[in-house]
Protein backbone atom coordinates (compact mmCIF):
# COMPACT_ATOMS: atom_id res chain seq x y z
CA MET A 1 -5.90 13.99 -14.04
CA THR A 2 -6.79 12.63 -11.15
CA ASP A 3 -7.72 8.81 -10.63
CA GLN A 4 -11.43 7.93 -11.28
CA PRO A 5 -12.92 6.95 -8.26
CA PRO A 6 -13.51 2.73 -7.55
CA GLY A 7 -16.21 1.66 -9.61
CA ASP A 8 -17.01 5.14 -11.48
CA PRO A 9 -16.69 4.62 -15.57
CA GLU A 10 -13.45 5.29 -17.06
CA PRO A 11 -14.53 7.27 -20.52
CA VAL A 12 -11.47 8.25 -22.53
CA GLU A 13 -12.08 12.01 -22.93
CA ALA A 14 -11.06 12.12 -19.11
CA TYR A 15 -7.71 10.74 -20.16
CA LEU A 16 -6.78 12.67 -23.51
CA GLN A 17 -4.06 14.81 -21.96
CA GLY A 18 -2.26 12.34 -20.03
CA LEU A 19 -2.28 10.32 -23.64
CA GLY A 20 -0.82 13.15 -25.70
CA LEU A 21 -3.93 13.29 -27.80
CA PRO A 22 -6.14 16.38 -28.22
CA ALA A 23 -8.91 17.85 -26.27
CA GLU A 24 -10.46 18.26 -29.74
CA MET A 25 -10.82 14.50 -30.35
CA ALA A 26 -13.52 14.19 -27.30
CA ALA A 27 -16.59 15.74 -29.82
CA ARG A 28 -15.52 13.80 -32.90
CA PRO A 29 -18.20 11.18 -33.30
CA ALA A 30 -16.80 7.55 -34.13
CA ASP A 31 -16.76 6.45 -37.88
CA ARG A 32 -16.27 2.83 -38.04
CA THR A 33 -15.90 2.09 -41.83
CA ASP A 34 -14.50 -0.75 -43.39
CA HIS A 35 -10.99 0.70 -43.42
CA VAL A 36 -11.54 0.98 -39.65
CA LYS A 37 -12.56 -2.38 -38.99
CA ALA A 38 -9.67 -3.87 -41.52
CA VAL A 39 -6.72 -1.99 -39.32
CA LEU A 40 -8.80 -2.90 -35.64
CA ALA A 41 -9.15 -6.79 -37.28
CA SER A 42 -4.82 -6.53 -37.82
CA TYR A 43 -4.49 -4.76 -34.20
CA HIS A 44 -6.53 -8.13 -32.33
CA ALA A 45 -5.02 -10.09 -34.14
CA GLN A 46 -1.34 -8.91 -33.12
CA ARG A 47 -1.99 -8.22 -29.59
CA GLN A 48 -2.48 -11.53 -28.74
CA THR A 49 1.03 -11.76 -28.84
CA ARG A 50 2.14 -9.00 -27.84
CA ASN A 51 0.85 -7.34 -24.64
CA SER A 52 1.92 -3.93 -24.82
CA LEU A 53 0.37 -3.51 -28.36
CA PRO A 54 -2.67 -1.61 -26.90
CA GLY A 55 -0.42 1.41 -25.39
CA LEU A 56 1.48 1.38 -28.40
CA VAL A 57 -1.47 2.20 -30.75
CA VAL A 58 -2.79 4.69 -28.49
CA ALA A 59 0.67 6.29 -28.95
CA MET A 60 0.86 6.07 -32.61
CA LEU A 61 -2.28 7.62 -32.74
CA ALA A 62 -1.01 10.26 -30.54
CA LEU A 63 2.23 11.11 -33.14
CA VAL A 64 -0.24 11.01 -36.17
CA GLU A 65 -2.40 13.69 -34.37
CA ARG A 66 0.36 15.78 -33.78
CA VAL A 67 2.13 15.19 -37.23
CA LEU A 68 -0.79 15.91 -39.45
CA ARG A 69 -1.74 19.13 -37.04
CA GLN A 70 1.77 20.78 -38.03
CA ARG A 71 1.21 19.82 -42.09
CA CYS A 72 -2.33 21.14 -40.97
CA ALA A 73 -3.63 17.67 -42.74
CA GLN A 74 -6.38 15.13 -42.02
CA SER A 75 -4.49 12.46 -43.20
CA GLU A 76 -1.79 10.96 -45.09
CA ALA A 77 -2.45 8.27 -47.57
CA GLN A 78 1.61 7.59 -47.64
CA GLY A 79 1.59 6.96 -44.32
CA VAL A 80 4.82 7.23 -42.10
CA ASP A 81 6.56 7.39 -45.21
CA GLY A 82 5.43 10.71 -46.28
CA PHE A 83 7.40 11.97 -43.61
CA ALA A 84 10.95 12.59 -42.69
CA ARG A 85 12.48 10.31 -40.00
CA GLU A 86 15.35 10.38 -37.88
CA THR A 87 17.58 7.27 -38.51
CA GLU A 88 20.56 8.24 -36.73
CA THR A 89 21.65 9.35 -32.92
CA SER A 90 24.00 12.12 -32.38
CA ARG A 91 26.54 10.04 -31.81
CA GLY A 92 26.17 7.97 -35.16
CA GLY A 93 24.17 5.21 -34.11
CA PRO A 94 20.97 3.66 -35.35
CA VAL A 95 17.49 4.97 -33.79
CA ASN A 96 15.65 2.35 -32.53
CA THR A 97 12.11 4.00 -32.36
CA LEU A 98 10.26 6.40 -34.39
CA ASN A 99 11.07 10.22 -34.41
CA VAL A 100 9.52 11.61 -37.32
CA ILE A 101 10.84 14.80 -38.47
CA LEU A 102 8.39 17.62 -39.19
CA ASP A 103 8.42 20.36 -41.89
CA ASP A 104 9.51 23.35 -39.28
CA GLY A 105 12.48 20.81 -38.14
CA GLU A 106 10.78 19.80 -34.77
CA VAL A 107 11.00 16.02 -34.02
CA VAL A 108 7.81 14.29 -32.66
CA ARG A 109 9.12 11.26 -30.80
CA LEU A 110 7.10 8.08 -30.14
CA ARG A 111 8.97 6.98 -26.90
CA PRO A 112 7.65 10.19 -24.88
CA LEU A 113 4.12 9.70 -26.04
CA TYR A 114 4.27 5.87 -25.37
CA ASN A 115 5.71 7.02 -21.59
CA GLY A 116 2.42 8.85 -21.05
CA VAL A 117 0.17 6.15 -22.20
CA GLN A 118 1.62 3.70 -19.87
CA HIS A 119 1.58 6.27 -16.98
CA VAL A 120 -1.97 6.83 -17.46
CA VAL A 121 -2.84 3.03 -18.03
CA VAL A 122 -0.61 1.81 -15.13
CA HIS A 123 -0.75 4.73 -12.32
CA GLN A 124 -4.09 6.14 -13.27
CA LEU A 125 -6.19 3.59 -14.13
CA ARG A 126 -4.68 0.89 -12.00
CA ARG A 127 -3.85 -2.17 -14.30
CA TYR A 128 -0.72 -3.13 -12.67
CA GLY A 129 -0.56 -6.01 -14.65
CA TYR A 130 0.32 -3.67 -18.21
CA PRO A 131 3.87 -4.92 -19.32
CA ASN A 132 6.21 -2.18 -17.92
CA MET A 133 8.68 -2.83 -21.15
CA PRO A 134 8.78 1.22 -23.31
CA GLY A 135 11.84 0.38 -24.92
CA HIS A 136 10.77 -2.64 -26.50
CA ALA A 137 7.07 -2.23 -27.01
CA THR A 138 8.58 1.29 -29.39
CA GLN A 139 11.48 -0.12 -30.84
CA ALA A 140 9.55 -3.02 -32.41
CA TRP A 141 7.09 -0.06 -34.60
CA PRO A 142 8.27 -1.43 -37.60
CA GLN A 143 6.40 -4.76 -37.05
CA HIS A 144 3.38 -2.81 -36.47
CA GLN A 145 3.70 -0.22 -39.49
CA GLY A 146 0.70 -1.59 -41.30
CA ILE A 147 -1.11 0.26 -38.73
CA LEU A 148 0.47 2.76 -37.93
CA ASP A 149 0.55 3.86 -41.83
CA GLY A 150 -3.60 3.11 -41.51
CA LEU A 151 -3.94 5.48 -38.94
CA PHE A 152 -2.30 7.89 -41.09
CA ALA A 153 -4.49 7.56 -44.14
CA MET A 154 -7.62 7.72 -42.19
CA THR A 155 -9.93 10.40 -41.37
CA PRO A 156 -10.07 11.91 -37.93
CA ASN A 157 -13.26 10.66 -37.28
CA GLU A 158 -11.93 7.29 -38.03
CA ARG A 159 -9.29 7.57 -35.93
CA ARG A 160 -11.74 7.91 -33.17
CA ALA A 161 -13.78 5.32 -34.12
CA VAL A 162 -9.85 3.20 -33.33
CA LEU A 163 -9.21 5.00 -30.00
CA ASP A 164 -12.54 4.20 -28.88
CA GLU A 165 -11.71 0.04 -29.44
CA VAL A 166 -8.10 0.15 -28.41
CA TRP A 167 -9.59 1.92 -24.92
CA GLU A 168 -12.07 -0.34 -24.33
CA THR A 169 -9.16 -3.09 -24.73
CA ILE A 170 -7.26 -1.12 -22.00
CA VAL A 171 -10.01 -0.47 -19.50
CA GLY A 172 -10.71 -4.52 -19.91
CA LEU A 173 -7.21 -5.26 -17.98
CA HIS A 174 -7.78 -6.30 -14.21
CA ARG A 175 -7.87 -3.32 -12.58
CA PHE A 176 -6.39 -3.06 -8.83
CA SER A 177 -9.50 -1.83 -6.59
CA ARG A 178 -7.78 0.63 -4.03
CA ARG A 179 -9.99 0.93 -0.86
CA THR A 180 -10.94 4.63 0.00
CA ALA A 181 -9.98 6.41 3.56
CA ALA A 182 -13.53 5.44 4.96
CA GLU A 183 -12.98 1.75 4.19
CA ALA A 184 -9.59 1.58 6.01
CA SER A 185 -9.64 -0.96 8.63
CA PRO A 186 -9.16 0.82 12.22
CA ARG A 187 -5.82 -0.14 13.52
CA PRO A 188 -6.89 -2.45 16.63
CA PHE A 189 -4.65 -2.51 19.01
CA ALA A 190 -3.40 1.35 18.62
CA SER A 191 -6.66 1.93 18.79
CA ILE A 192 -7.20 -0.20 22.13
CA LEU A 193 -3.86 1.60 24.20
CA ALA A 194 -5.16 4.84 22.84
CA LYS A 195 -8.93 4.67 23.83
CA PHE A 196 -9.63 1.55 26.08
CA PRO A 197 -9.57 2.90 29.81
CA ASN A 198 -7.65 1.27 32.21
CA THR A 199 -9.02 -0.10 35.13
CA GLN A 200 -12.49 0.33 36.59
CA ARG A 201 -14.49 0.22 39.66
CA GLY A 202 -15.44 -3.34 40.08
CA GLU A 203 -12.54 -4.88 38.22
CA PRO A 204 -9.24 -6.73 38.98
CA ALA A 205 -7.01 -3.95 39.94
CA GLY A 206 -4.42 -3.65 37.02
CA ALA A 207 -6.22 -6.49 34.84
CA VAL A 208 -6.16 -3.85 31.61
CA LEU A 209 -2.59 -2.64 31.93
CA GLN A 210 -1.41 -6.17 32.36
CA GLY A 211 -3.40 -7.83 29.73
CA LEU A 212 -1.64 -4.97 27.42
CA ALA A 213 1.36 -6.26 28.52
CA PHE A 214 0.60 -10.04 27.95
CA ALA A 215 -0.66 -8.66 24.14
CA TYR A 216 1.90 -6.79 23.04
CA TYR A 217 4.48 -9.41 23.55
CA ARG A 218 2.51 -12.17 22.27
CA ALA A 219 2.52 -10.13 19.09
CA ASP A 220 5.94 -8.69 19.16
CA SER A 221 7.73 -11.66 20.54
CA PRO A 222 6.35 -14.64 18.73
CA ASN A 223 9.73 -16.35 19.06
CA VAL A 224 8.68 -16.46 22.85
CA THR A 225 6.43 -18.33 24.90
CA ILE A 226 4.65 -15.81 26.88
CA GLU A 227 3.31 -16.92 30.46
CA THR A 228 0.53 -15.01 32.52
CA GLY A 229 -2.05 -15.66 35.52
CA LYS A 230 -4.36 -13.32 37.09
CA VAL A 231 -3.35 -9.56 38.50
CA ARG A 232 -3.43 -11.16 41.79
CA ALA A 233 -2.21 -14.31 41.82
CA GLY A 234 1.44 -14.02 43.28
CA SER A 235 4.19 -14.22 40.54
CA ARG A 236 6.45 -16.51 42.34
CA ARG A 237 4.20 -18.68 44.14
CA VAL A 238 3.29 -19.90 40.83
CA GLY A 239 6.60 -19.99 39.87
CA ARG A 240 6.83 -16.74 37.82
CA VAL A 241 9.80 -13.89 38.17
CA ALA A 242 7.51 -11.49 36.88
CA ASP A 243 3.98 -10.58 35.81
CA VAL A 244 4.39 -11.68 32.48
CA ASP A 245 7.58 -13.77 31.59
CA GLY A 246 8.97 -14.55 27.87
CA TRP A 247 10.88 -17.87 27.93
CA ASN A 248 12.82 -19.71 24.95
CA GLY A 249 13.11 -23.23 26.05
CA ALA A 250 14.18 -23.46 29.63
CA GLU A 251 15.47 -19.89 29.50
CA LEU A 252 13.94 -16.81 30.49
CA VAL A 253 14.35 -14.19 28.00
CA LEU A 254 11.59 -11.52 28.90
CA SER A 255 10.23 -10.30 32.06
CA ILE A 256 7.23 -7.61 32.88
CA GLU A 257 6.26 -6.26 36.33
CA VAL A 258 3.10 -4.76 35.44
CA LYS A 259 2.20 -1.47 38.06
CA ASP A 260 -0.78 -0.20 37.44
CA GLU A 261 -0.03 3.40 39.09
CA ALA A 262 2.17 6.16 38.82
CA ILE A 263 5.69 5.74 39.74
CA SER A 264 7.25 8.78 41.31
CA ASP A 265 9.97 7.41 44.06
CA PRO A 266 12.68 6.22 42.27
CA GLU A 267 13.23 3.83 45.84
CA ASP A 268 9.61 2.71 45.60
CA GLY A 269 9.83 -0.79 47.58
CA THR A 270 7.38 -2.88 45.85
CA LEU A 271 9.75 -3.32 43.13
CA ASP A 272 12.35 -5.10 45.05
CA GLY A 273 10.82 -8.77 44.60
CA PHE A 274 11.10 -7.97 41.04
CA LEU A 275 14.42 -6.90 40.97
CA ALA A 276 15.46 -9.70 43.51
CA ASN A 277 13.69 -12.44 41.02
CA LEU A 278 15.81 -10.60 38.30
CA ALA A 279 18.99 -11.72 39.56
CA GLU A 280 18.53 -15.62 39.01
CA TRP A 281 18.08 -14.43 35.12
CA PRO A 282 20.69 -11.87 34.30
CA ASP A 283 20.25 -12.13 30.69
CA ALA A 284 16.58 -11.38 30.69
CA ALA A 285 15.33 -8.22 29.05
CA ALA A 286 13.56 -6.61 31.79
CA ILE A 287 10.58 -4.26 31.81
CA VAL A 288 8.31 -2.18 34.18
CA LEU A 289 5.19 -0.98 32.90
CA ALA A 290 3.45 1.42 34.64
CA ARG A 291 0.76 4.15 34.25
CA SER A 292 3.45 6.69 34.21
CA ALA A 293 7.23 6.91 35.82
CA THR A 294 9.02 9.90 36.47
CA ASP A 295 12.40 10.29 35.28
CA ASP A 296 14.04 9.61 38.23
CA VAL A 297 12.40 6.00 38.36
CA VAL A 298 13.05 5.82 34.72
CA THR A 299 16.75 6.81 35.47
CA GLU A 300 16.97 5.00 39.01
CA LEU A 301 15.87 1.52 37.06
CA SER A 302 17.83 1.57 34.45
CA ARG A 303 21.10 1.38 36.44
CA HIS A 304 19.50 -2.49 37.15
CA ASN A 305 19.36 -3.09 33.02
CA VAL A 306 15.52 -2.59 33.85
CA SER A 307 13.79 -0.48 30.65
CA THR A 308 10.49 1.25 31.71
CA LEU A 309 7.09 1.13 29.78
CA ASP A 310 3.41 3.03 30.07
CA ARG A 311 1.07 2.86 27.66
CA GLU A 312 2.64 6.09 25.36
CA ARG A 313 5.40 4.47 24.74
CA MET A 314 3.67 1.33 23.69
CA LEU A 315 1.75 3.23 21.30
CA GLU A 316 4.44 5.14 19.82
CA ALA A 317 6.05 1.40 18.83
CA VAL A 318 2.56 0.04 17.74
CA ARG A 319 1.60 3.06 15.38
CA LEU A 320 4.51 1.28 13.44
CA TRP A 321 3.13 -2.33 13.20
CA ASP A 322 1.18 -3.40 10.09
CA LEU A 323 -2.74 -4.10 10.40
CA ASN A 324 -1.97 -8.02 10.74
CA LYS A 325 -0.02 -7.20 13.52
CA GLN A 326 -2.08 -5.16 15.50
CA ARG A 327 -5.10 -7.63 15.03
CA LEU A 328 -3.02 -10.11 16.20
CA ALA A 329 -2.37 -8.19 19.40
CA ALA A 330 -5.82 -7.09 19.80
CA ARG A 331 -6.95 -11.15 19.82
CA GLU A 332 -4.22 -11.70 22.31
CA PHE A 333 -5.70 -9.11 24.40
CA HIS A 334 -9.05 -10.38 24.00
CA TYR A 335 -7.88 -14.10 24.98
CA TYR A 336 -6.76 -12.44 27.88
CA LEU A 337 -9.82 -10.84 29.70
CA ALA A 338 -11.44 -13.71 28.17
CA ARG A 339 -9.26 -17.05 29.25
CA VAL A 340 -7.27 -15.56 31.98
CA GLU A 341 -8.58 -12.84 33.73
CA ARG A 342 -12.26 -14.37 33.12
CA HIS A 343 -14.12 -11.33 34.59
CA ASP A 344 -17.44 -10.68 32.98
CA GLY A 345 -18.02 -7.50 33.53
CA LEU A 346 -14.40 -6.04 31.65
CA ILE A 347 -15.07 -8.96 29.10
CA ALA A 348 -18.31 -6.92 28.54
CA ARG A 349 -16.86 -3.76 28.44
CA PHE A 350 -13.91 -4.73 26.35
CA GLU A 351 -16.62 -6.22 23.32
CA ALA A 352 -18.36 -2.58 23.79
CA PHE A 353 -15.51 -1.06 23.18
CA LEU A 354 -14.78 -3.50 20.15
CA GLU A 355 -18.19 -2.66 18.85
CA ASP A 356 -18.29 1.20 18.98
CA GLU A 357 -14.83 1.15 17.32
CA GLY A 358 -15.62 -0.88 14.81
CA ILE A 359 -13.04 -3.39 15.31
CA GLU A 360 -13.55 -6.65 14.01
CA LEU A 361 -11.32 -9.26 15.39
């Protein structure tokens, strides 16, 4: 049986198989007699102090139905005492649960029936607050023998009336509402990395890539103070080692140089200033973020203890981030565009992108 969609009714007929009850029980009219009312009054009184009783009563119903069906009987006035029971395990120990021995030697055990009921309640109905105590619940059956004997003495239609009321208390438990895939929030920073285009004509060259670097490390390194500036501001002139720097107190621990281009020349001189600046900070994690870089460039930079990133590699990591971390990075990217770069056209383009993608920051 599959889960009922959120908001749909949860009729007991849809779960009879999982509950261990016969399918024909769905067609029985409920007969709420005085005998039923008396058993239910006992049930409601006892469940105030035993949260597992609803599931135990349904498991008892399943046991009664199975035992009576084997005997081709509709009821048993003697209750459970009208049947033989296992009292000793194969090792000679006492049997703590209820195992009824049928006339043909088959044994109907309460514990597996209760396990099936608990699975329906917790995993299919998503009543996660229902107690997980199958051993304790089934060992306690003698404390509720009056209810069990009452079920044995009932007609099939009376047992249906009991099932309906006990089911009502089960579905009345708090239900965890699972969101559907259609309701899932988009992973905002992954969407930005995958879909938001790089700098367009009329926008500051490299602003998007630098903003992504700033946002990525703001979210990924919360113990580091991240500094950056506009893309055309010379890093050295304003006291930065690279385009994006990360500080721990007065110590540089992270430095990212942004190159909004495809780097293919391992001897590219445009990185010389960055490498020279790093000489003063040998313990800093150094990174070059580019549109792309050839294997030769990656190898050459690694000789200088510099790692190479592009949007694709960033995206691989970001896909593993939780939703809140992605939202933080997306907000920091928005912050960079609005408060650091301050280019109206770029800000407008990004905000339109958020609307088109259904992303709320």
